[in-house]
Amino acid sequence: MRSGIVEYGLVRHRLVESLRKGKVRREDVCDAHPELLRAAQHLGRPTDHACPVCDAAATREVTYVFGSKLPPGGTCPSTKAELARLERREEPVVCYAVEACTSCGFHHLVRKWQAGGRTVRRSAKRRAQ
């Protein structure tokens, strides 16, 4: 169950505009962590738009999932099926989708949402006891 999806498109647009106007340096927006770039390269899904900084063919989107009973650094699902399984967990999770360019290192939070936390149905037999 997804709830409260927050999209960060307007923030991204303003950041790119600030970069184009010279208010922000390229080094300040193209500083993706090496682990993010590795995840984007190997686990990320291609997007349908070019990098707004270097015009590379396409950026990649990586999803990170954080929650109880997951590693402290979260997990990075490699397929939609794996993400769907994490979203159906009994324990709540918070998911972050990050856009990254593996050419120049541009990165930006695309969206954030909460999932999981579903209640487990008990069988009629157990409820009767």
N, C-alpha and C. Protein backbone atom coordinates (compact mmCIF):
# COMPACT_ATOMS: atom_id res chain seq x y z
N MET A 1 0.84 -1.18 0.00
CA MET A 1 0.00 0.00 0.00
C MET A 1 0.89 1.24 0.00
N ARG A 2 0.82 2.01 -1.05
CA ARG A 2 1.57 3.26 -1.13
C ARG A 2 0.73 4.38 -0.53
N SER A 3 1.42 5.28 0.15
CA SER A 3 0.70 6.44 0.65
C SER A 3 1.62 7.63 0.66
N GLY A 4 1.06 8.79 0.50
CA GLY A 4 1.80 10.03 0.63
C GLY A 4 2.99 10.16 -0.31
N ILE A 5 2.79 9.97 -1.61
CA ILE A 5 3.88 10.14 -2.56
C ILE A 5 4.21 11.62 -2.70
N VAL A 6 5.47 11.94 -2.50
CA VAL A 6 5.94 13.32 -2.65
C VAL A 6 6.84 13.37 -3.87
N GLU A 7 6.50 14.20 -4.84
CA GLU A 7 7.29 14.38 -6.05
C GLU A 7 8.17 15.62 -5.89
N TYR A 8 9.40 15.55 -6.38
CA TYR A 8 10.35 16.64 -6.23
C TYR A 8 10.71 17.29 -7.57
N GLY A 9 9.82 17.22 -8.54
CA GLY A 9 10.07 17.78 -9.87
C GLY A 9 10.29 19.28 -9.87
N LEU A 10 9.53 20.01 -9.08
CA LEU A 10 9.69 21.47 -9.04
C LEU A 10 11.03 21.86 -8.43
N VAL A 11 11.46 21.12 -7.43
CA VAL A 11 12.76 21.38 -6.81
C VAL A 11 13.87 21.13 -7.83
N ARG A 12 13.75 20.05 -8.59
CA ARG A 12 14.73 19.72 -9.62
C ARG A 12 14.78 20.83 -10.67
N HIS A 13 13.60 21.27 -11.11
CA HIS A 13 13.53 22.33 -12.12
C HIS A 13 14.23 23.60 -11.63
N ARG A 14 13.98 23.96 -10.40
CA ARG A 14 14.61 25.17 -9.85
C ARG A 14 16.12 25.01 -9.74
N LEU A 15 16.58 23.83 -9.34
CA LEU A 15 18.01 23.57 -9.25
C LEU A 15 18.68 23.69 -10.61
N VAL A 16 18.07 23.10 -11.63
CA VAL A 16 18.65 23.16 -12.98
C VAL A 16 18.65 24.60 -13.49
N GLU A 17 17.60 25.35 -13.22
CA GLU A 17 17.56 26.76 -13.61
C GLU A 17 18.66 27.56 -12.91
N SER A 18 18.86 27.31 -11.62
CA SER A 18 19.91 27.99 -10.87
C SER A 18 21.28 27.65 -11.45
N LEU A 19 21.46 26.43 -11.89
CA LEU A 19 22.71 26.02 -12.51
C LEU A 19 22.91 26.75 -13.83
N ARG A 20 21.90 26.82 -14.63
CA ARG A 20 21.99 27.50 -15.93
C ARG A 20 22.23 29.00 -15.79
N LYS A 21 21.72 29.59 -14.72
CA LYS A 21 21.91 31.03 -14.49
C LYS A 21 23.23 31.33 -13.78
N GLY A 22 23.97 30.29 -13.41
CA GLY A 22 25.26 30.49 -12.76
C GLY A 22 25.18 30.72 -11.27
N LYS A 23 24.00 30.51 -10.67
CA LYS A 23 23.85 30.70 -9.23
C LYS A 23 24.37 29.49 -8.45
N VAL A 24 24.45 28.35 -9.11
CA VAL A 24 24.94 27.11 -8.51
C VAL A 24 26.03 26.57 -9.43
N ARG A 25 27.10 26.08 -8.84
CA ARG A 25 28.20 25.52 -9.63
C ARG A 25 27.90 24.08 -10.01
N ARG A 26 28.41 23.67 -11.14
CA ARG A 26 28.24 22.30 -11.62
C ARG A 26 28.77 21.30 -10.59
N GLU A 27 29.89 21.63 -9.96
CA GLU A 27 30.48 20.73 -8.96
C GLU A 27 29.54 20.49 -7.78
N ASP A 28 28.63 21.42 -7.54
CA ASP A 28 27.71 21.30 -6.42
C ASP A 28 26.52 20.38 -6.72
N VAL A 29 26.23 20.14 -8.00
CA VAL A 29 25.10 19.28 -8.35
C VAL A 29 25.55 17.97 -9.00
N CYS A 30 26.81 17.88 -9.36
CA CYS A 30 27.34 16.67 -10.00
C CYS A 30 28.32 15.98 -9.06
N ASP A 31 27.86 15.74 -7.84
CA ASP A 31 28.73 15.18 -6.81
C ASP A 31 28.14 13.89 -6.21
N ALA A 32 27.57 13.07 -7.07
CA ALA A 32 26.95 11.83 -6.60
C ALA A 32 27.97 10.93 -5.91
N HIS A 33 27.54 10.30 -4.85
CA HIS A 33 28.39 9.37 -4.11
C HIS A 33 28.72 8.18 -5.01
N PRO A 34 29.93 7.64 -4.91
CA PRO A 34 30.29 6.49 -5.75
C PRO A 34 29.32 5.30 -5.62
N GLU A 35 28.78 5.07 -4.42
CA GLU A 35 27.82 3.96 -4.24
C GLU A 35 26.53 4.22 -5.02
N LEU A 36 26.08 5.47 -5.06
CA LEU A 36 24.88 5.80 -5.84
C LEU A 36 25.16 5.57 -7.32
N LEU A 37 26.32 5.98 -7.80
CA LEU A 37 26.65 5.79 -9.21
C LEU A 37 26.76 4.30 -9.56
N ARG A 38 27.32 3.51 -8.64
CA ARG A 38 27.40 2.06 -8.86
C ARG A 38 26.00 1.45 -8.91
N ALA A 39 25.14 1.86 -7.99
CA ALA A 39 23.77 1.34 -7.98
C ALA A 39 23.03 1.76 -9.25
N ALA A 40 23.24 2.99 -9.68
CA ALA A 40 22.59 3.46 -10.91
C ALA A 40 23.05 2.65 -12.11
N GLN A 41 24.33 2.38 -12.18
CA GLN A 41 24.89 1.64 -13.30
C GLN A 41 24.37 0.20 -13.34
N HIS A 42 24.34 -0.47 -12.19
CA HIS A 42 24.04 -1.89 -12.17
C HIS A 42 22.60 -2.25 -11.82
N LEU A 43 21.91 -1.39 -11.06
CA LEU A 43 20.55 -1.71 -10.63
C LEU A 43 19.51 -0.71 -11.12
N GLY A 44 19.96 0.45 -11.55
CA GLY A 44 19.04 1.51 -11.94
C GLY A 44 18.28 1.21 -13.23
N ARG A 45 17.13 1.81 -13.33
CA ARG A 45 16.31 1.70 -14.53
C ARG A 45 16.51 2.94 -15.38
N PRO A 46 16.67 2.78 -16.68
CA PRO A 46 16.84 3.96 -17.54
C PRO A 46 15.58 4.84 -17.50
N THR A 47 15.78 6.13 -17.52
CA THR A 47 14.65 7.06 -17.61
C THR A 47 14.48 7.45 -19.07
N ASP A 48 13.45 8.21 -19.34
CA ASP A 48 13.21 8.61 -20.73
C ASP A 48 13.66 10.04 -21.01
N HIS A 49 14.52 10.60 -20.15
CA HIS A 49 15.00 11.95 -20.42
C HIS A 49 16.51 12.06 -20.22
N ALA A 50 17.10 12.97 -20.96
CA ALA A 50 18.55 13.18 -20.91
C ALA A 50 18.94 13.92 -19.63
N CYS A 51 20.19 13.80 -19.27
CA CYS A 51 20.71 14.51 -18.11
C CYS A 51 20.61 16.02 -18.37
N PRO A 52 20.08 16.78 -17.42
CA PRO A 52 19.93 18.22 -17.63
C PRO A 52 21.26 18.97 -17.56
N VAL A 53 22.33 18.31 -17.12
CA VAL A 53 23.62 18.98 -16.99
C VAL A 53 24.53 18.69 -18.18
N CYS A 54 24.72 17.41 -18.49
CA CYS A 54 25.69 17.05 -19.54
C CYS A 54 25.04 16.52 -20.81
N ASP A 55 23.72 16.42 -20.84
CA ASP A 55 22.97 15.90 -21.99
C ASP A 55 23.34 14.46 -22.36
N ALA A 56 23.80 13.69 -21.38
CA ALA A 56 24.06 12.26 -21.62
C ALA A 56 22.76 11.62 -22.08
N ALA A 57 22.86 10.52 -22.74
CA ALA A 57 21.70 9.87 -23.36
C ALA A 57 20.51 9.75 -22.41
N ALA A 58 20.73 9.28 -21.20
CA ALA A 58 19.62 9.15 -20.26
C ALA A 58 20.15 9.01 -18.84
N THR A 59 19.37 9.52 -17.92
CA THR A 59 19.69 9.30 -16.51
C THR A 59 19.11 7.95 -16.11
N ARG A 60 19.47 7.49 -14.93
CA ARG A 60 18.96 6.22 -14.42
C ARG A 60 18.30 6.49 -13.08
N GLU A 61 17.27 5.72 -12.77
CA GLU A 61 16.55 5.89 -11.51
C GLU A 61 16.81 4.69 -10.60
N VAL A 62 17.21 4.99 -9.37
CA VAL A 62 17.51 3.97 -8.38
C VAL A 62 16.53 4.14 -7.23
N THR A 63 16.02 3.02 -6.71
CA THR A 63 15.11 3.08 -5.58
C THR A 63 15.80 2.49 -4.36
N TYR A 64 15.70 3.20 -3.25
CA TYR A 64 16.21 2.73 -1.96
C TYR A 64 15.03 2.54 -1.02
N VAL A 65 15.07 1.48 -0.24
CA VAL A 65 13.99 1.17 0.70
C VAL A 65 14.59 1.01 2.10
N PHE A 66 14.02 1.73 3.06
CA PHE A 66 14.49 1.69 4.45
C PHE A 66 13.35 1.27 5.35
N GLY A 67 13.67 0.49 6.36
CA GLY A 67 12.67 0.07 7.32
C GLY A 67 13.24 -0.92 8.30
N SER A 68 12.42 -1.30 9.30
CA SER A 68 12.88 -2.27 10.28
C SER A 68 13.11 -3.61 9.60
N LYS A 69 14.04 -4.36 10.15
CA LYS A 69 14.42 -5.67 9.63
C LYS A 69 15.06 -5.61 8.25
N LEU A 70 15.51 -4.43 7.84
CA LEU A 70 16.28 -4.26 6.61
C LEU A 70 17.69 -3.81 7.02
N PRO A 71 18.67 -3.93 6.15
CA PRO A 71 20.02 -3.48 6.51
C PRO A 71 20.02 -2.00 6.92
N PRO A 72 20.96 -1.58 7.78
CA PRO A 72 21.00 -0.18 8.23
C PRO A 72 21.09 0.82 7.07
N GLY A 73 21.74 0.44 5.99
CA GLY A 73 21.84 1.33 4.83
C GLY A 73 20.70 1.16 3.85
N GLY A 74 19.67 0.44 4.26
CA GLY A 74 18.53 0.19 3.38
C GLY A 74 18.86 -0.89 2.36
N THR A 75 17.95 -1.08 1.44
CA THR A 75 18.16 -2.04 0.36
C THR A 75 17.76 -1.39 -0.95
N CYS A 76 18.33 -1.89 -2.00
CA CYS A 76 18.12 -1.32 -3.32
C CYS A 76 17.53 -2.41 -4.21
N PRO A 77 16.20 -2.48 -4.33
CA PRO A 77 15.60 -3.54 -5.13
C PRO A 77 16.02 -3.44 -6.60
N SER A 78 16.31 -4.59 -7.19
CA SER A 78 16.79 -4.58 -8.58
C SER A 78 15.68 -4.82 -9.60
N THR A 79 14.50 -5.22 -9.13
CA THR A 79 13.38 -5.44 -10.06
C THR A 79 12.11 -4.82 -9.48
N LYS A 80 11.14 -4.62 -10.35
CA LYS A 80 9.84 -4.11 -9.90
C LYS A 80 9.16 -5.11 -8.98
N ALA A 81 9.35 -6.39 -9.24
CA ALA A 81 8.75 -7.43 -8.40
C ALA A 81 9.33 -7.37 -6.98
N GLU A 82 10.62 -7.16 -6.88
CA GLU A 82 11.26 -7.07 -5.56
C GLU A 82 10.77 -5.83 -4.82
N LEU A 83 10.63 -4.72 -5.52
CA LEU A 83 10.09 -3.50 -4.90
C LEU A 83 8.66 -3.74 -4.43
N ALA A 84 7.85 -4.38 -5.26
CA ALA A 84 6.46 -4.66 -4.88
C ALA A 84 6.40 -5.53 -3.63
N ARG A 85 7.30 -6.50 -3.54
CA ARG A 85 7.33 -7.38 -2.36
C ARG A 85 7.68 -6.57 -1.11
N LEU A 86 8.64 -5.65 -1.23
CA LEU A 86 9.02 -4.80 -0.09
C LEU A 86 7.87 -3.87 0.31
N GLU A 87 7.13 -3.41 -0.68
CA GLU A 87 6.00 -2.51 -0.41
C GLU A 87 4.84 -3.23 0.28
N ARG A 88 4.80 -4.54 0.17
CA ARG A 88 3.72 -5.31 0.81
C ARG A 88 4.12 -5.87 2.17
N ARG A 89 5.26 -5.50 2.67
CA ARG A 89 5.72 -6.01 3.97
C ARG A 89 4.76 -5.66 5.09
N GLU A 90 4.83 -6.47 6.11
CA GLU A 90 4.04 -6.20 7.31
C GLU A 90 4.55 -4.95 8.02
N GLU A 91 5.87 -4.79 8.03
CA GLU A 91 6.47 -3.61 8.66
C GLU A 91 6.48 -2.45 7.66
N PRO A 92 6.26 -1.22 8.13
CA PRO A 92 6.28 -0.07 7.23
C PRO A 92 7.69 0.19 6.70
N VAL A 93 7.75 0.71 5.48
CA VAL A 93 9.01 1.09 4.86
C VAL A 93 8.86 2.48 4.25
N VAL A 94 10.00 3.13 4.07
CA VAL A 94 10.04 4.41 3.36
C VAL A 94 10.90 4.19 2.12
N CYS A 95 10.39 4.61 0.97
CA CYS A 95 11.07 4.40 -0.30
C CYS A 95 11.47 5.75 -0.91
N TYR A 96 12.65 5.76 -1.51
CA TYR A 96 13.18 6.95 -2.16
C TYR A 96 13.62 6.57 -3.56
N ALA A 97 13.18 7.31 -4.56
CA ALA A 97 13.63 7.12 -5.94
C ALA A 97 14.58 8.28 -6.25
N VAL A 98 15.78 7.94 -6.68
CA VAL A 98 16.81 8.94 -6.96
C VAL A 98 17.23 8.84 -8.42
N GLU A 99 17.31 9.98 -9.07
CA GLU A 99 17.78 10.06 -10.45
C GLU A 99 19.28 10.31 -10.41
N ALA A 100 20.04 9.60 -11.24
CA ALA A 100 21.49 9.81 -11.28
C ALA A 100 21.99 9.68 -12.70
N CYS A 101 22.96 10.51 -13.03
CA CYS A 101 23.64 10.44 -14.33
C CYS A 101 25.00 9.80 -14.09
N THR A 102 25.24 8.67 -14.74
CA THR A 102 26.51 7.98 -14.55
C THR A 102 27.64 8.64 -15.34
N SER A 103 27.31 9.61 -16.19
CA SER A 103 28.35 10.31 -16.96
C SER A 103 28.97 11.47 -16.17
N CYS A 104 28.11 12.33 -15.59
CA CYS A 104 28.63 13.53 -14.92
C CYS A 104 28.45 13.52 -13.41
N GLY A 105 27.63 12.60 -12.89
CA GLY A 105 27.43 12.54 -11.45
C GLY A 105 26.27 13.38 -10.93
N PHE A 106 25.46 13.95 -11.83
CA PHE A 106 24.27 14.68 -11.39
C PHE A 106 23.34 13.70 -10.68
N HIS A 107 22.70 14.15 -9.61
CA HIS A 107 21.74 13.31 -8.91
C HIS A 107 20.70 14.18 -8.25
N HIS A 108 19.52 13.61 -8.11
CA HIS A 108 18.43 14.36 -7.49
C HIS A 108 17.35 13.41 -7.00
N LEU A 109 16.78 13.72 -5.85
CA LEU A 109 15.66 12.95 -5.33
C LEU A 109 14.44 13.19 -6.22
N VAL A 110 13.87 12.12 -6.75
CA VAL A 110 12.73 12.22 -7.65
C VAL A 110 11.42 12.16 -6.88
N ARG A 111 11.30 11.14 -6.01
CA ARG A 111 10.07 10.98 -5.23
C ARG A 111 10.36 10.19 -3.97
N LYS A 112 9.44 10.33 -3.02
CA LYS A 112 9.52 9.62 -1.75
C LYS A 112 8.12 9.15 -1.42
N TRP A 113 8.00 7.93 -0.87
CA TRP A 113 6.69 7.43 -0.47
C TRP A 113 6.84 6.41 0.65
N GLN A 114 5.74 6.19 1.33
CA GLN A 114 5.69 5.19 2.39
C GLN A 114 4.88 4.01 1.90
N ALA A 115 5.26 2.84 2.36
CA ALA A 115 4.55 1.62 1.96
C ALA A 115 4.65 0.62 3.11
N GLY A 116 4.12 -0.56 2.87
CA GLY A 116 4.16 -1.59 3.89
C GLY A 116 3.22 -1.27 5.03
N GLY A 117 3.46 -1.94 6.15
CA GLY A 117 2.62 -1.70 7.31
C GLY A 117 1.26 -2.34 7.19
N ARG A 118 1.14 -3.32 6.32
CA ARG A 118 -0.17 -3.97 6.16
C ARG A 118 -0.43 -4.88 7.35
N THR A 119 -1.65 -5.03 7.67
CA THR A 119 -2.00 -5.92 8.77
C THR A 119 -2.14 -7.33 8.24
N VAL A 120 -1.70 -8.26 9.02
CA VAL A 120 -1.79 -9.66 8.64
C VAL A 120 -3.15 -10.19 9.05
N ARG A 121 -3.85 -10.80 8.11
CA ARG A 121 -5.16 -11.36 8.42
C ARG A 121 -4.99 -12.67 9.16
N ARG A 122 -5.73 -12.80 10.19
CA ARG A 122 -5.73 -14.07 10.92
C ARG A 122 -6.83 -14.94 10.37
N SER A 123 -6.60 -16.21 10.37
CA SER A 123 -7.62 -17.13 9.85
C SER A 123 -8.84 -17.10 10.78
N ALA A 124 -9.96 -17.45 10.25
CA ALA A 124 -11.21 -17.47 11.04
C ALA A 124 -11.07 -18.43 12.21
N LYS A 125 -10.33 -19.51 12.03
CA LYS A 125 -10.13 -20.48 13.10
C LYS A 125 -9.38 -19.87 14.26
N ARG A 126 -8.33 -19.08 14.00
CA ARG A 126 -7.55 -18.47 15.08
C ARG A 126 -8.37 -17.40 15.80
N ARG A 127 -9.19 -16.64 15.05
CA ARG A 127 -10.00 -15.59 15.68
C ARG A 127 -11.04 -16.18 16.61
N ALA A 128 -11.54 -17.38 16.29
CA ALA A 128 -12.58 -18.02 17.10
C ALA A 128 -12.04 -18.51 18.44
N GLN A 129 -10.76 -18.72 18.53
CA GLN A 129 -10.17 -19.26 19.77
C GLN A 129 -10.11 -18.23 20.83
